[in-house]
Amino acid sequence: MKIKVGDKVKILKGKDNGKEGKVLQVFVKEGRAVVEGLNLMIKHQKAKRQGEKGQRIQFPSPINITSLALLCPKCGRPTRVGFQVVKQDGKTTKNRQCKKCKEVI
């Protein structure tokens, strides 16, 4: 997965086009992610007891990962993600890498 929880991303499509936010949750099988404060939906909730008022609950809805671009922590630009395999002391690690500045994310 190229986008993980805690990454800063920029939205490329939809009603929140151009806005930036932090990834709160990633659904790998569905290929979707929840971004903090973006793609907000409203859910109406009925009153549970007589005399209470109903509510409108606002929550961030999952957005397709293809509509997101990862922001590089070093250069701050939206970038594609590459992978870099590093062998160190007999251990192999796979790191994400910015395609523009070649910095490990």
C-alpha atoms as a PDB file:
ATOM      1  CA  MET A   1       0.000   0.000   0.000  1.00  0.00           C
ATOM      2  CA  LYS A   2       1.433   3.352  -1.031  1.00  0.00           C
ATOM      3  CA  ILE A   3      -0.634   5.451   1.380  1.00  0.00           C
ATOM      4  CA  LYS A   4      -0.566   4.729   5.112  1.00  0.00           C
ATOM      5  CA  VAL A   5      -2.202   6.093   8.268  1.00  0.00           C
ATOM      6  CA  GLY A   6      -0.667   9.417   9.327  1.00  0.00           C
ATOM      7  CA  ASP A   7       0.439  10.498   5.825  1.00  0.00           C
ATOM      8  CA  LYS A   8      -0.387  13.980   4.525  1.00  0.00           C
ATOM      9  CA  VAL A   9      -2.266  13.760   1.243  1.00  0.00           C
ATOM     10  CA  LYS A  10      -3.764  16.102  -1.344  1.00  0.00           C
ATOM     11  CA  ILE A  11      -7.146  15.372  -2.931  1.00  0.00           C
ATOM     12  CA  LEU A  12      -7.028  15.362  -6.738  1.00  0.00           C
ATOM     13  CA  LYS A  13     -10.712  14.829  -7.631  1.00  0.00           C
ATOM     14  CA  GLY A  14     -14.161  15.559  -6.269  1.00  0.00           C
ATOM     15  CA  LYS A  15     -15.783  18.300  -4.231  1.00  0.00           C
ATOM     16  CA  ASP A  16     -12.683  18.781  -2.024  1.00  0.00           C
ATOM     17  CA  ASN A  17     -10.279  19.034  -4.973  1.00  0.00           C
ATOM     18  CA  GLY A  18      -6.952  20.687  -4.025  1.00  0.00           C
ATOM     19  CA  LYS A  19      -7.397  20.406  -0.255  1.00  0.00           C
ATOM     20  CA  GLU A  20      -4.866  18.706   2.013  1.00  0.00           C
ATOM     21  CA  GLY A  21      -5.344  16.547   5.080  1.00  0.00           C
ATOM     22  CA  LYS A  22      -4.039  13.710   7.228  1.00  0.00           C
ATOM     23  CA  VAL A  23      -5.047  10.067   6.640  1.00  0.00           C
ATOM     24  CA  LEU A  24      -6.989   8.672   9.616  1.00  0.00           C
ATOM     25  CA  GLN A  25      -7.872   5.215   8.337  1.00  0.00           C
ATOM     26  CA  VAL A  26      -7.050   3.020   5.319  1.00  0.00           C
ATOM     27  CA  PHE A  27      -9.229   0.217   3.935  1.00  0.00           C
ATOM     28  CA  VAL A  28      -6.811  -1.934   1.930  1.00  0.00           C
ATOM     29  CA  LYS A  29      -9.295  -4.377   0.371  1.00  0.00           C
ATOM     30  CA  GLU A  30     -11.643  -1.601  -0.796  1.00  0.00           C
ATOM     31  CA  GLY A  31      -8.789   0.717  -1.877  1.00  0.00           C
ATOM     32  CA  ARG A  32     -10.189   3.648   0.093  1.00  0.00           C
ATOM     33  CA  ALA A  33      -8.945   5.989   2.818  1.00  0.00           C
ATOM     34  CA  VAL A  34     -10.514   8.383   5.333  1.00  0.00           C
ATOM     35  CA  VAL A  35      -8.946  11.866   5.335  1.00  0.00           C
ATOM     36  CA  GLU A  36      -9.364  14.137   8.368  1.00  0.00           C
ATOM     37  CA  GLY A  37     -11.941  16.887   7.814  1.00  0.00           C
ATOM     38  CA  LEU A  38     -12.453  16.174   4.099  1.00  0.00           C
ATOM     39  CA  ASN A  39     -15.197  14.448   2.088  1.00  0.00           C
ATOM     40  CA  LEU A  40     -17.642  15.183   4.917  1.00  0.00           C
ATOM     41  CA  MET A  41     -21.065  13.541   4.842  1.00  0.00           C
ATOM     42  CA  ILE A  42     -24.137  14.301   6.954  1.00  0.00           C
ATOM     43  CA  LYS A  43     -26.154  11.596   8.684  1.00  0.00           C
ATOM     44  CA  HIS A  44     -29.562  12.394  10.193  1.00  0.00           C
ATOM     45  CA  GLN A  45     -30.330  10.725  13.524  1.00  0.00           C
ATOM     46  CA  LYS A  46     -33.826  10.408  14.917  1.00  0.00           C
ATOM     47  CA  ALA A  47     -34.704  11.397  18.466  1.00  0.00           C
ATOM     48  CA  LYS A  48     -34.447   8.375  20.782  1.00  0.00           C
ATOM     49  CA  ARG A  49     -36.860   9.623  23.438  1.00  0.00           C
ATOM     50  CA  GLN A  50     -39.941  11.726  23.209  1.00  0.00           C
ATOM     51  CA  GLY A  51     -39.183  15.399  23.743  1.00  0.00           C
ATOM     52  CA  GLU A  52     -35.582  15.161  22.456  1.00  0.00           C
ATOM     53  CA  LYS A  53     -34.495  16.658  19.174  1.00  0.00           C
ATOM     54  CA  GLY A  54     -32.965  14.780  16.277  1.00  0.00           C
ATOM     55  CA  GLN A  55     -29.380  15.490  15.221  1.00  0.00           C
ATOM     56  CA  ARG A  56     -27.315  15.961  12.102  1.00  0.00           C
ATOM     57  CA  ILE A  57     -24.006  14.139  12.507  1.00  0.00           C
ATOM     58  CA  GLN A  58     -21.116  15.125  10.247  1.00  0.00           C
ATOM     59  CA  PHE A  59     -18.407  12.522   9.568  1.00  0.00           C
ATOM     60  CA  PRO A  60     -15.542  12.018   7.060  1.00  0.00           C
ATOM     61  CA  SER A  61     -16.401   9.441   4.426  1.00  0.00           C
ATOM     62  CA  PRO A  62     -13.818   7.158   2.727  1.00  0.00           C
ATOM     63  CA  ILE A  63     -12.402   8.406  -0.570  1.00  0.00           C
ATOM     64  CA  ASN A  64     -10.805   6.333  -3.317  1.00  0.00           C
ATOM     65  CA  ILE A  65      -6.998   6.083  -3.040  1.00  0.00           C
ATOM     66  CA  THR A  66      -6.635   6.860  -6.759  1.00  0.00           C
ATOM     67  CA  SER A  67      -8.031  10.331  -5.970  1.00  0.00           C
ATOM     68  CA  LEU A  68      -5.230  11.040  -3.456  1.00  0.00           C
ATOM     69  CA  ALA A  69      -1.614  12.129  -3.935  1.00  0.00           C
ATOM     70  CA  LEU A  70       0.950  11.719  -1.166  1.00  0.00           C
ATOM     71  CA  LEU A  71       2.698  14.926  -0.035  1.00  0.00           C
ATOM     72  CA  CYS A  72       6.454  14.455   0.361  1.00  0.00           C
ATOM     73  CA  PRO A  73       7.595  15.504   3.873  1.00  0.00           C
ATOM     74  CA  LYS A  74      10.861  16.933   2.472  1.00  0.00           C
ATOM     75  CA  CYS A  75       9.873  18.833  -0.683  1.00  0.00           C
ATOM     76  CA  GLY A  76       6.182  19.329   0.261  1.00  0.00           C
ATOM     77  CA  ARG A  77       4.909  18.614  -3.247  1.00  0.00           C
ATOM     78  CA  PRO A  78       2.348  15.982  -4.255  1.00  0.00           C
ATOM     79  CA  THR A  79       4.278  13.041  -5.626  1.00  0.00           C
ATOM     80  CA  ARG A  80       4.028   9.506  -6.851  1.00  0.00           C
ATOM     81  CA  VAL A  81       5.475   6.810  -4.611  1.00  0.00           C
ATOM     82  CA  GLY A  82       8.248   4.421  -5.560  1.00  0.00           C
ATOM     83  CA  PHE A  83       9.853   1.665  -3.544  1.00  0.00           C
ATOM     84  CA  GLN A  84      13.498   1.168  -2.614  1.00  0.00           C
ATOM     85  CA  VAL A  85      14.824  -2.189  -1.371  1.00  0.00           C
ATOM     86  CA  VAL A  86      17.737  -1.830   1.065  1.00  0.00           C
ATOM     87  CA  LYS A  87      19.887  -4.688   2.345  1.00  0.00           C
ATOM     88  CA  GLN A  88      21.526  -3.929   5.673  1.00  0.00           C
ATOM     89  CA  ASP A  89      23.233  -6.402   8.043  1.00  0.00           C
ATOM     90  CA  GLY A  90      21.582  -9.376   6.345  1.00  0.00           C
ATOM     91  CA  LYS A  91      18.111  -7.826   6.646  1.00  0.00           C
ATOM     92  CA  THR A  92      16.103  -6.556   3.704  1.00  0.00           C
ATOM     93  CA  THR A  93      13.767  -3.577   4.117  1.00  0.00           C
ATOM     94  CA  LYS A  94      11.417  -2.025   1.582  1.00  0.00           C
ATOM     95  CA  ASN A  95      11.065   1.759   1.922  1.00  0.00           C
ATOM     96  CA  ARG A  96       8.707   4.190   0.201  1.00  0.00           C
ATOM     97  CA  GLN A  97      10.489   6.828  -1.866  1.00  0.00           C
ATOM     98  CA  CYS A  98       9.457  10.191  -3.336  1.00  0.00           C
ATOM     99  CA  LYS A  99       9.713  10.050  -7.138  1.00  0.00           C
ATOM    100  CA  LYS A 100      10.586  13.768  -7.388  1.00  0.00           C
ATOM    101  CA  CYS A 101      13.317  14.305  -4.779  1.00  0.00           C
ATOM    102  CA  LYS A 102      14.292  10.612  -4.208  1.00  0.00           C
ATOM    103  CA  GLU A 103      13.888  11.047  -0.422  1.00  0.00           C
ATOM    104  CA  VAL A 104      12.791   8.070   1.699  1.00  0.00           C
ATOM    105  CA  ILE A 105       9.339   8.674   3.192  1.00  0.00           C
END
